[in-house]
Amino acid sequence: MSTNPITVNPVQKFRALLPSGSRTFGIIASVNATNNTSTITLQNGDRLVVKGSDHAASDRVLIVDGEIRQKVPTLPFTNITMF
């Protein structure tokens, strides 16, 4: 969906500020330097193979569109379910 830069619609202006693409966090389970990929363990336990082998196993990383973008700090995590 393209947005008109001169629009007065506040929802479209807000959407234009948000980053595009999928983003997630995970912990590197293993690194395969020969094909430049890493296996990531997500918070729900699923595993994902992504591009990038510049980080070490057990590093927490940001994944954007299937590629490791950067290392991120380990912060406390709280899961809240609201009804």
Protein backbone atom coordinates (compact mmCIF):
# COMPACT_ATOMS: atom_id res chain seq x y z
CA MET A 1 0.00 0.00 0.00
CA SER A 2 1.57 3.27 -1.04
CA THR A 3 0.94 6.46 0.84
CA ASN A 4 0.61 9.91 -0.56
CA PRO A 5 3.26 12.18 1.07
CA ILE A 6 0.85 15.12 1.17
CA THR A 7 -2.04 13.20 2.72
CA VAL A 8 -3.90 14.58 5.69
CA ASN A 9 -5.08 11.14 6.83
CA PRO A 10 -3.41 10.60 10.24
CA VAL A 11 -3.57 6.79 9.96
CA GLN A 12 -1.62 6.82 6.69
CA LYS A 13 0.91 9.25 8.18
CA PHE A 14 1.39 6.93 11.16
CA ARG A 15 1.80 3.82 8.97
CA ALA A 16 4.47 5.63 6.96
CA LEU A 17 6.54 5.97 10.16
CA LEU A 18 6.47 2.25 10.98
CA PRO A 19 9.21 -0.06 9.71
CA SER A 20 8.21 -2.56 7.05
CA GLY A 21 9.03 -6.26 6.98
CA SER A 22 8.93 -8.94 9.65
CA ARG A 23 11.00 -8.52 12.81
CA THR A 24 11.62 -10.98 15.60
CA PHE A 25 14.15 -11.79 18.29
CA GLY A 26 15.84 -15.08 19.03
CA ILE A 27 18.88 -16.82 20.46
CA ILE A 28 21.47 -18.35 18.13
CA ALA A 29 21.51 -22.13 18.61
CA SER A 30 24.19 -22.87 15.99
CA VAL A 31 26.21 -21.13 13.29
CA ASN A 32 27.07 -22.55 9.87
CA ALA A 33 29.86 -20.35 8.48
CA THR A 34 30.21 -22.36 5.26
CA ASN A 35 26.83 -21.25 3.92
CA ASN A 36 26.50 -18.06 6.02
CA THR A 37 23.44 -19.17 8.01
CA SER A 38 22.50 -19.53 11.65
CA THR A 39 19.83 -21.57 13.41
CA ILE A 40 17.79 -19.40 15.76
CA THR A 41 15.63 -20.54 18.67
CA LEU A 42 12.60 -18.28 19.05
CA GLN A 43 10.91 -17.50 22.39
CA ASN A 44 8.16 -20.07 21.73
CA GLY A 45 10.79 -22.81 21.13
CA ASP A 46 10.48 -22.93 17.34
CA ARG A 47 13.69 -23.00 15.29
CA LEU A 48 14.40 -20.87 12.28
CA VAL A 49 17.32 -20.84 9.81
CA VAL A 50 18.32 -17.30 8.81
CA LYS A 51 21.07 -15.57 6.84
CA GLY A 52 24.12 -14.41 8.78
CA SER A 53 26.96 -16.09 10.64
CA ASP A 54 28.82 -13.14 12.18
CA HIS A 55 27.60 -13.78 15.74
CA ALA A 56 28.33 -16.55 18.22
CA ALA A 57 26.05 -19.28 19.57
CA SER A 58 23.91 -18.12 22.53
CA ASP A 59 23.89 -14.48 21.31
CA ARG A 60 20.45 -12.83 21.32
CA VAL A 61 19.85 -11.22 17.92
CA LEU A 62 17.33 -9.16 15.97
CA ILE A 63 16.11 -10.84 12.77
CA VAL A 64 14.66 -8.68 10.00
CA ASP A 65 13.21 -10.33 6.89
CA GLY A 66 15.08 -13.60 7.49
CA GLU A 67 18.49 -12.04 8.13
CA ILE A 68 20.39 -11.31 11.35
CA ARG A 69 20.55 -7.57 11.67
CA GLN A 70 22.30 -7.02 15.00
CA LYS A 71 23.04 -8.36 18.47
CA VAL A 72 20.62 -7.16 21.15
CA PRO A 73 20.96 -7.04 24.94
CA THR A 74 19.29 -9.58 27.17
CA LEU A 75 16.45 -7.82 28.96
CA PRO A 76 13.78 -9.11 31.33
CA PHE A 77 10.74 -10.55 29.56
CA THR A 78 7.16 -10.52 30.80
CA ASN A 79 4.28 -12.17 29.00
CA ILE A 80 0.83 -10.79 29.80
CA THR A 81 -2.40 -12.28 28.50
CA MET A 82 -5.32 -9.89 28.38
CA PHE A 83 -8.93 -10.88 27.83
